[in-house]
Amino acid sequence: MVYENTNCGLGTNRNLLEVITEEPHIPDIEKCGAGKGEECCIFITVSGKGFMCERFSELRDSLIFKTMNAKRDPIEPYPECMKF
């Protein structure tokens, strides 16, 4: 579980949580910083399905610890994380 204004997962008692409908995370290549080097969000990826936001996917931890040009690890909630 990742909370607002943090960039790391924290232990959560899932029995205390209420399931709500999650807004789909749809990246905007310009607003996410694609092509802006270090300013690019580390969670934007591209596949056969097009651009994807992997911020809350199984790839999250791998992308955080991977060496790449992108360096921005946003703490803002979606969609405020898209700063451009």
PDB file of N, CA and C in Angstrom:
ATOM      1  N   MET A   1       0.854  -1.168   0.000  1.00  0.00           N
ATOM      2  CA  MET A   1       0.000   0.000   0.000  1.00  0.00           C
ATOM      3  C   MET A   1       0.901   1.233   0.000  1.00  0.00           C
ATOM      4  N   VAL A   2       0.593   2.183  -0.839  1.00  0.00           N
ATOM      5  CA  VAL A   2       1.343   3.425  -0.912  1.00  0.00           C
ATOM      6  C   VAL A   2       0.379   4.557  -0.578  1.00  0.00           C
ATOM      7  N   TYR A   3       0.766   5.399   0.360  1.00  0.00           N
ATOM      8  CA  TYR A   3      -0.091   6.484   0.810  1.00  0.00           C
ATOM      9  C   TYR A   3       0.281   7.801   0.149  1.00  0.00           C
ATOM     10  N   GLU A   4      -0.684   8.749   0.134  1.00  0.00           N
ATOM     11  CA  GLU A   4      -0.412  10.073  -0.410  1.00  0.00           C
ATOM     12  C   GLU A   4       0.793  10.692   0.269  1.00  0.00           C
ATOM     13  N   ASN A   5       1.559  11.462  -0.505  1.00  0.00           N
ATOM     14  CA  ASN A   5       2.749  12.175  -0.033  1.00  0.00           C
ATOM     15  C   ASN A   5       3.847  11.254   0.472  1.00  0.00           C
ATOM     16  N   THR A   6       3.858  10.007  -0.004  1.00  0.00           N
ATOM     17  CA  THR A   6       4.968   9.095   0.276  1.00  0.00           C
ATOM     18  C   THR A   6       5.386   8.470  -1.041  1.00  0.00           C
ATOM     19  N   ASN A   7       6.556   7.905  -1.060  1.00  0.00           N
ATOM     20  CA  ASN A   7       6.990   7.208  -2.273  1.00  0.00           C
ATOM     21  C   ASN A   7       7.434   5.789  -1.956  1.00  0.00           C
ATOM     22  N   CYS A   8       6.969   5.274  -0.817  1.00  0.00           N
ATOM     23  CA  CYS A   8       7.325   3.911  -0.449  1.00  0.00           C
ATOM     24  C   CYS A   8       6.100   3.202   0.136  1.00  0.00           C
ATOM     25  N   GLY A   9       6.122   1.905   0.080  1.00  0.00           N
ATOM     26  CA  GLY A   9       5.026   1.124   0.637  1.00  0.00           C
ATOM     27  C   GLY A   9       5.139   1.037   2.153  1.00  0.00           C
ATOM     28  N   LEU A  10       4.014   0.979   2.806  1.00  0.00           N
ATOM     29  CA  LEU A  10       3.972   0.871   4.258  1.00  0.00           C
ATOM     30  C   LEU A  10       3.084  -0.299   4.642  1.00  0.00           C
ATOM     31  N   GLY A  11       3.355  -0.918   5.784  1.00  0.00           N
ATOM     32  CA  GLY A  11       2.521  -2.014   6.260  1.00  0.00           C
ATOM     33  C   GLY A  11       1.112  -1.518   6.553  1.00  0.00           C
ATOM     34  N   THR A  12       0.109  -2.265   6.133  1.00  0.00           N
ATOM     35  CA  THR A  12      -1.282  -1.882   6.331  1.00  0.00           C
ATOM     36  C   THR A  12      -2.089  -3.095   6.752  1.00  0.00           C
ATOM     37  N   ASN A  13      -2.946  -2.915   7.756  1.00  0.00           N
ATOM     38  CA  ASN A  13      -3.885  -3.962   8.137  1.00  0.00           C
ATOM     39  C   ASN A  13      -5.035  -3.896   7.144  1.00  0.00           C
ATOM     40  N   ARG A  14      -5.056  -4.794   6.182  1.00  0.00           N
ATOM     41  CA  ARG A  14      -6.051  -4.754   5.115  1.00  0.00           C
ATOM     42  C   ARG A  14      -7.478  -4.955   5.629  1.00  0.00           C
ATOM     43  N   ASN A  15      -7.650  -5.511   6.823  1.00  0.00           N
ATOM     44  CA  ASN A  15      -8.991  -5.676   7.383  1.00  0.00           C
ATOM     45  C   ASN A  15      -9.632  -4.337   7.724  1.00  0.00           C
ATOM     46  N   LEU A  16      -8.838  -3.288   7.855  1.00  0.00           N
ATOM     47  CA  LEU A  16      -9.355  -1.966   8.181  1.00  0.00           C
ATOM     48  C   LEU A  16      -9.724  -1.155   6.945  1.00  0.00           C
ATOM     49  N   LEU A  17      -9.422  -1.679   5.756  1.00  0.00           N
ATOM     50  CA  LEU A  17      -9.637  -0.938   4.520  1.00  0.00           C
ATOM     51  C   LEU A  17     -11.003  -1.221   3.912  1.00  0.00           C
ATOM     52  N   GLU A  18     -11.519  -0.232   3.220  1.00  0.00           N
ATOM     53  CA  GLU A  18     -12.762  -0.360   2.471  1.00  0.00           C
ATOM     54  C   GLU A  18     -12.424  -0.336   0.983  1.00  0.00           C
ATOM     55  N   VAL A  19     -12.950  -1.269   0.227  1.00  0.00           N
ATOM     56  CA  VAL A  19     -12.678  -1.333  -1.201  1.00  0.00           C
ATOM     57  C   VAL A  19     -13.484  -0.250  -1.911  1.00  0.00           C
ATOM     58  N   ILE A  20     -12.803   0.562  -2.717  1.00  0.00           N
ATOM     59  CA  ILE A  20     -13.462   1.586  -3.516  1.00  0.00           C
ATOM     60  C   ILE A  20     -13.043   1.397  -4.965  1.00  0.00           C
ATOM     61  N   THR A  21     -13.780   1.983  -5.868  1.00  0.00           N
ATOM     62  CA  THR A  21     -13.426   1.900  -7.275  1.00  0.00           C
ATOM     63  C   THR A  21     -12.219   2.781  -7.523  1.00  0.00           C
ATOM     64  N   GLU A  22     -11.190   2.207  -8.117  1.00  0.00           N
ATOM     65  CA  GLU A  22      -9.960   2.954  -8.375  1.00  0.00           C
ATOM     66  C   GLU A  22     -10.016   3.591  -9.751  1.00  0.00           C
ATOM     67  N   GLU A  23      -9.600   4.841  -9.818  1.00  0.00           N
ATOM     68  CA  GLU A  23      -9.515   5.541 -11.092  1.00  0.00           C
ATOM     69  C   GLU A  23      -8.375   4.930 -11.901  1.00  0.00           C
ATOM     70  N   PRO A  24      -8.624   4.577 -13.163  1.00  0.00           N
ATOM     71  CA  PRO A  24      -7.536   3.992 -13.959  1.00  0.00           C
ATOM     72  C   PRO A  24      -6.408   5.012 -14.160  1.00  0.00           C
ATOM     73  N   HIS A  25      -5.179   4.546 -14.043  1.00  0.00           N
ATOM     74  CA  HIS A  25      -4.009   5.411 -14.206  1.00  0.00           C
ATOM     75  C   HIS A  25      -3.609   5.421 -15.671  1.00  0.00           C
ATOM     76  N   ILE A  26      -4.009   6.471 -16.362  1.00  0.00           N
ATOM     77  CA  ILE A  26      -3.730   6.603 -17.789  1.00  0.00           C
ATOM     78  C   ILE A  26      -2.655   7.662 -17.967  1.00  0.00           C
ATOM     79  N   PRO A  27      -1.470   7.259 -18.411  1.00  0.00           N
ATOM     80  CA  PRO A  27      -0.390   8.237 -18.546  1.00  0.00           C
ATOM     81  C   PRO A  27      -0.594   9.168 -19.738  1.00  0.00           C
ATOM     82  N   ASP A  28      -0.100  10.371 -19.586  1.00  0.00           N
ATOM     83  CA  ASP A  28      -0.044  11.340 -20.673  1.00  0.00           C
ATOM     84  C   ASP A  28       1.447  11.538 -20.932  1.00  0.00           C
ATOM     85  N   ILE A  29       1.926  11.137 -22.100  1.00  0.00           N
ATOM     86  CA  ILE A  29       3.374  11.119 -22.324  1.00  0.00           C
ATOM     87  C   ILE A  29       4.014  12.487 -22.137  1.00  0.00           C
ATOM     88  N   GLU A  30       3.295  13.552 -22.444  1.00  0.00           N
ATOM     89  CA  GLU A  30       3.863  14.891 -22.227  1.00  0.00           C
ATOM     90  C   GLU A  30       3.861  15.248 -20.743  1.00  0.00           C
ATOM     91  N   LYS A  31       2.730  15.048 -20.076  1.00  0.00           N
ATOM     92  CA  LYS A  31       2.619  15.427 -18.664  1.00  0.00           C
ATOM     93  C   LYS A  31       3.471  14.556 -17.759  1.00  0.00           C
ATOM     94  N   CYS A  32       3.756  13.320 -18.183  1.00  0.00           N
ATOM     95  CA  CYS A  32       4.600  12.419 -17.387  1.00  0.00           C
ATOM     96  C   CYS A  32       6.089  12.663 -17.627  1.00  0.00           C
ATOM     97  N   GLY A  33       6.410  13.484 -18.611  1.00  0.00           N
ATOM     98  CA  GLY A  33       7.795  13.867 -18.850  1.00  0.00           C
ATOM     99  C   GLY A  33       8.565  12.983 -19.797  1.00  0.00           C
ATOM    100  N   ALA A  34       7.880  12.211 -20.626  1.00  0.00           N
ATOM    101  CA  ALA A  34       8.589  11.361 -21.590  1.00  0.00           C
ATOM    102  C   ALA A  34       9.496  12.217 -22.466  1.00  0.00           C
ATOM    103  N   GLY A  35      10.733  11.798 -22.601  1.00  0.00           N
ATOM    104  CA  GLY A  35      11.701  12.532 -23.404  1.00  0.00           C
ATOM    105  C   GLY A  35      12.395  13.653 -22.656  1.00  0.00           C
ATOM    106  N   LYS A  36      12.132  13.810 -21.365  1.00  0.00           N
ATOM    107  CA  LYS A  36      12.730  14.890 -20.578  1.00  0.00           C
ATOM    108  C   LYS A  36      13.852  14.389 -19.661  1.00  0.00           C
ATOM    109  N   GLY A  37      14.427  13.252 -19.995  1.00  0.00           N
ATOM    110  CA  GLY A  37      15.572  12.732 -19.235  1.00  0.00           C
ATOM    111  C   GLY A  37      15.238  12.477 -17.777  1.00  0.00           C
ATOM    112  N   GLU A  38      16.017  13.066 -16.880  1.00  0.00           N
ATOM    113  CA  GLU A  38      15.841  12.843 -15.449  1.00  0.00           C
ATOM    114  C   GLU A  38      14.488  13.313 -14.922  1.00  0.00           C
ATOM    115  N   GLU A  39      13.841  14.240 -15.602  1.00  0.00           N
ATOM    116  CA  GLU A  39      12.537  14.756 -15.171  1.00  0.00           C
ATOM    117  C   GLU A  39      11.386  13.806 -15.507  1.00  0.00           C
ATOM    118  N   CYS A  40      11.653  12.765 -16.291  1.00  0.00           N
ATOM    119  CA  CYS A  40      10.621  11.807 -16.664  1.00  0.00           C
ATOM    120  C   CYS A  40      10.240  10.951 -15.452  1.00  0.00           C
ATOM    121  N   CYS A  41       8.960  10.642 -15.335  1.00  0.00           N
ATOM    122  CA  CYS A  41       8.480   9.775 -14.262  1.00  0.00           C
ATOM    123  C   CYS A  41       9.035   8.362 -14.458  1.00  0.00           C
ATOM    124  N   ILE A  42       9.496   7.748 -13.392  1.00  0.00           N
ATOM    125  CA  ILE A  42      10.073   6.405 -13.491  1.00  0.00           C
ATOM    126  C   ILE A  42       9.022   5.330 -13.768  1.00  0.00           C
ATOM    127  N   PHE A  43       7.750   5.643 -13.593  1.00  0.00           N
ATOM    128  CA  PHE A  43       6.710   4.629 -13.728  1.00  0.00           C
ATOM    129  C   PHE A  43       6.088   4.538 -15.118  1.00  0.00           C
ATOM    130  N   ILE A  44       6.459   5.424 -16.040  1.00  0.00           N
ATOM    131  CA  ILE A  44       5.889   5.355 -17.384  1.00  0.00           C
ATOM    132  C   ILE A  44       6.679   4.336 -18.206  1.00  0.00           C
ATOM    133  N   THR A  45       5.950   3.407 -18.804  1.00  0.00           N
ATOM    134  CA  THR A  45       6.568   2.383 -19.640  1.00  0.00           C
ATOM    135  C   THR A  45       5.807   2.318 -20.960  1.00  0.00           C
ATOM    136  N   VAL A  46       6.375   1.603 -21.918  1.00  0.00           N
ATOM    137  CA  VAL A  46       5.698   1.407 -23.200  1.00  0.00           C
ATOM    138  C   VAL A  46       5.773  -0.074 -23.545  1.00  0.00           C
ATOM    139  N   SER A  47       4.676  -0.579 -24.083  1.00  0.00           N
ATOM    140  CA  SER A  47       4.612  -1.985 -24.480  1.00  0.00           C
ATOM    141  C   SER A  47       3.761  -2.077 -25.742  1.00  0.00           C
ATOM    142  N   GLY A  48       3.394  -3.280 -26.117  1.00  0.00           N
ATOM    143  CA  GLY A  48       2.527  -3.476 -27.266  1.00  0.00           C
ATOM    144  C   GLY A  48       1.155  -2.848 -27.070  1.00  0.00           C
ATOM    145  N   LYS A  49       0.810  -2.579 -25.817  1.00  0.00           N
ATOM    146  CA  LYS A  49      -0.473  -1.937 -25.500  1.00  0.00           C
ATOM    147  C   LYS A  49      -0.357  -0.419 -25.467  1.00  0.00           C
ATOM    148  N   GLY A  50       0.820   0.103 -25.761  1.00  0.00           N
ATOM    149  CA  GLY A  50       1.048   1.544 -25.720  1.00  0.00           C
ATOM    150  C   GLY A  50       1.679   1.969 -24.404  1.00  0.00           C
ATOM    151  N   PHE A  51       1.540   3.247 -24.059  1.00  0.00           N
ATOM    152  CA  PHE A  51       2.126   3.764 -22.820  1.00  0.00           C
ATOM    153  C   PHE A  51       1.299   3.297 -21.629  1.00  0.00           C
ATOM    154  N   MET A  52       1.996   2.927 -20.556  1.00  0.00           N
ATOM    155  CA  MET A  52       1.349   2.418 -19.349  1.00  0.00           C
ATOM    156  C   MET A  52       1.912   3.135 -18.127  1.00  0.00           C
ATOM    157  N   CYS A  53       1.062   3.333 -17.117  1.00  0.00           N
ATOM    158  CA  CYS A  53       1.513   3.818 -15.821  1.00  0.00           C
ATOM    159  C   CYS A  53       1.650   2.602 -14.919  1.00  0.00           C
ATOM    160  N   GLU A  54       2.867   2.320 -14.475  1.00  0.00           N
ATOM    161  CA  GLU A  54       3.144   1.131 -13.663  1.00  0.00           C
ATOM    162  C   GLU A  54       3.299   1.475 -12.178  1.00  0.00           C
ATOM    163  N   ARG A  55       2.825   2.650 -11.787  1.00  0.00           N
ATOM    164  CA  ARG A  55       3.010   3.117 -10.411  1.00  0.00           C
ATOM    165  C   ARG A  55       2.405   2.168  -9.373  1.00  0.00           C
ATOM    166  N   PHE A  56       1.312   1.516  -9.706  1.00  0.00           N
ATOM    167  CA  PHE A  56       0.665   0.621  -8.750  1.00  0.00           C
ATOM    168  C   PHE A  56       0.558  -0.800  -9.294  1.00  0.00           C
ATOM    169  N   SER A  57       1.488  -1.174 -10.152  1.00  0.00           N
ATOM    170  CA  SER A  57       1.492  -2.520 -10.735  1.00  0.00           C
ATOM    171  C   SER A  57       2.571  -3.373 -10.070  1.00  0.00           C
ATOM    172  N   GLU A  58       2.693  -4.591 -10.562  1.00  0.00           N
ATOM    173  CA  GLU A  58       3.718  -5.510 -10.057  1.00  0.00           C
ATOM    174  C   GLU A  58       5.129  -5.012 -10.362  1.00  0.00           C
ATOM    175  N   LEU A  59       5.262  -4.110 -11.338  1.00  0.00           N
ATOM    176  CA  LEU A  59       6.578  -3.590 -11.722  1.00  0.00           C
ATOM    177  C   LEU A  59       7.071  -2.462 -10.826  1.00  0.00           C
ATOM    178  N   ARG A  60       6.220  -1.952  -9.941  1.00  0.00           N
ATOM    179  CA  ARG A  60       6.536  -0.781  -9.126  1.00  0.00           C
ATOM    180  C   ARG A  60       7.930  -0.859  -8.481  1.00  0.00           C
ATOM    181  N   ASP A  61       8.164  -1.871  -7.663  1.00  0.00           N
ATOM    182  CA  ASP A  61       9.439  -1.964  -6.944  1.00  0.00           C
ATOM    183  C   ASP A  61      10.619  -2.125  -7.894  1.00  0.00           C
ATOM    184  N   SER A  62      10.430  -2.876  -8.966  1.00  0.00           N
ATOM    185  CA  SER A  62      11.512  -3.044  -9.939  1.00  0.00           C
ATOM    186  C   SER A  62      11.898  -1.710 -10.559  1.00  0.00           C
ATOM    187  N   LEU A  63      10.911  -0.880 -10.874  1.00  0.00           N
ATOM    188  CA  LEU A  63      11.201   0.416 -11.491  1.00  0.00           C
ATOM    189  C   LEU A  63      11.846   1.382 -10.506  1.00  0.00           C
ATOM    190  N   ILE A  64      11.464   1.317  -9.248  1.00  0.00           N
ATOM    191  CA  ILE A  64      12.057   2.201  -8.240  1.00  0.00           C
ATOM    192  C   ILE A  64      13.551   1.931  -8.099  1.00  0.00           C
ATOM    193  N   PHE A  65      13.941   0.666  -8.145  1.00  0.00           N
ATOM    194  CA  PHE A  65      15.335   0.301  -7.903  1.00  0.00           C
ATOM    195  C   PHE A  65      16.147   0.083  -9.175  1.00  0.00           C
ATOM    196  N   LYS A  66      15.575   0.376 -10.339  1.00  0.00           N
ATOM    197  CA  LYS A  66      16.281   0.181 -11.613  1.00  0.00           C
ATOM    198  C   LYS A  66      17.075   1.438 -11.970  1.00  0.00           C
ATOM    199  N   THR A  67      18.249   1.246 -12.527  1.00  0.00           N
ATOM    200  CA  THR A  67      19.057   2.367 -13.000  1.00  0.00           C
ATOM    201  C   THR A  67      18.584   2.740 -14.390  1.00  0.00           C
ATOM    202  N   MET A  68      18.155   3.985 -14.559  1.00  0.00           N
ATOM    203  CA  MET A  68      17.672   4.458 -15.856  1.00  0.00           C
ATOM    204  C   MET A  68      17.800   5.971 -15.909  1.00  0.00           C
ATOM    205  N   ASN A  69      17.525   6.551 -17.065  1.00  0.00           N
ATOM    206  CA  ASN A  69      17.607   8.005 -17.205  1.00  0.00           C
ATOM    207  C   ASN A  69      16.540   8.711 -16.384  1.00  0.00           C
ATOM    208  N   ALA A  70      15.311   8.179 -16.372  1.00  0.00           N
ATOM    209  CA  ALA A  70      14.224   8.795 -15.612  1.00  0.00           C
ATOM    210  C   ALA A  70      14.560   8.735 -14.125  1.00  0.00           C
ATOM    211  N   LYS A  71      14.307   9.833 -13.398  1.00  0.00           N
ATOM    212  CA  LYS A  71      14.634   9.890 -11.969  1.00  0.00           C
ATOM    213  C   LYS A  71      13.453  10.324 -11.099  1.00  0.00           C
ATOM    214  N   ARG A  72      12.397  10.895 -11.719  1.00  0.00           N
ATOM    215  CA  ARG A  72      11.309  11.460 -10.913  1.00  0.00           C
ATOM    216  C   ARG A  72      10.425  10.346 -10.358  1.00  0.00           C
ATOM    217  N   ASP A  73      10.376  10.255  -9.023  1.00  0.00           N
ATOM    218  CA  ASP A  73       9.558   9.289  -8.287  1.00  0.00           C
ATOM    219  C   ASP A  73       8.500  10.114  -7.545  1.00  0.00           C
ATOM    220  N   PRO A  74       7.368  10.402  -8.204  1.00  0.00           N
ATOM    221  CA  PRO A  74       6.402  11.354  -7.646  1.00  0.00           C
ATOM    222  C   PRO A  74       5.761  10.880  -6.346  1.00  0.00           C
ATOM    223  N   ILE A  75       5.505  11.841  -5.442  1.00  0.00           N
ATOM    224  CA  ILE A  75       4.780  11.538  -4.211  1.00  0.00           C
ATOM    225  C   ILE A  75       3.332  12.009  -4.288  1.00  0.00           C
ATOM    226  N   GLU A  76       3.011  12.811  -5.306  1.00  0.00           N
ATOM    227  CA  GLU A  76       1.657  13.325  -5.462  1.00  0.00           C
ATOM    228  C   GLU A  76       0.732  12.197  -5.927  1.00  0.00           C
ATOM    229  N   PRO A  77      -0.536  12.219  -5.523  1.00  0.00           N
ATOM    230  CA  PRO A  77      -1.483  11.208  -6.002  1.00  0.00           C
ATOM    231  C   PRO A  77      -1.810  11.427  -7.476  1.00  0.00           C
ATOM    232  N   TYR A  78      -2.256  10.381  -8.143  1.00  0.00           N
ATOM    233  CA  TYR A  78      -2.689  10.493  -9.540  1.00  0.00           C
ATOM    234  C   TYR A  78      -3.962  11.327  -9.570  1.00  0.00           C
ATOM    235  N   PRO A  79      -4.157  12.247 -10.468  1.00  0.00           N
ATOM    236  CA  PRO A  79      -3.351  12.650 -11.608  1.00  0.00           C
ATOM    237  C   PRO A  79      -2.437  13.838 -11.324  1.00  0.00           C
ATOM    238  N   GLU A  80      -2.366  14.317 -10.069  1.00  0.00           N
ATOM    239  CA  GLU A  80      -1.496  15.458  -9.750  1.00  0.00           C
ATOM    240  C   GLU A  80      -0.022  15.144  -9.953  1.00  0.00           C
ATOM    241  N   CYS A  81       0.324  13.866 -10.059  1.00  0.00           N
ATOM    242  CA  CYS A  81       1.716  13.477 -10.277  1.00  0.00           C
ATOM    243  C   CYS A  81       2.219  13.887 -11.655  1.00  0.00           C
ATOM    244  N   MET A  82       1.316  14.160 -12.578  1.00  0.00           N
ATOM    245  CA  MET A  82       1.711  14.583 -13.931  1.00  0.00           C
ATOM    246  C   MET A  82       1.983  16.065 -13.904  1.00  0.00           C
ATOM    247  N   LYS A  83       3.254  16.459 -13.796  1.00  0.00           N
ATOM    248  CA  LYS A  83       3.612  17.847 -13.515  1.00  0.00           C
ATOM    249  C   LYS A  83       3.805  18.747 -14.733  1.00  0.00           C
ATOM    250  N   PHE A  84       3.930  18.187 -15.923  1.00  0.00           N
ATOM    251  CA  PHE A  84       4.209  19.034 -17.092  1.00  0.00           C
ATOM    252  C   PHE A  84       2.931  19.425 -17.796  1.00  0.00           C
TER     253      PHE A  84
END
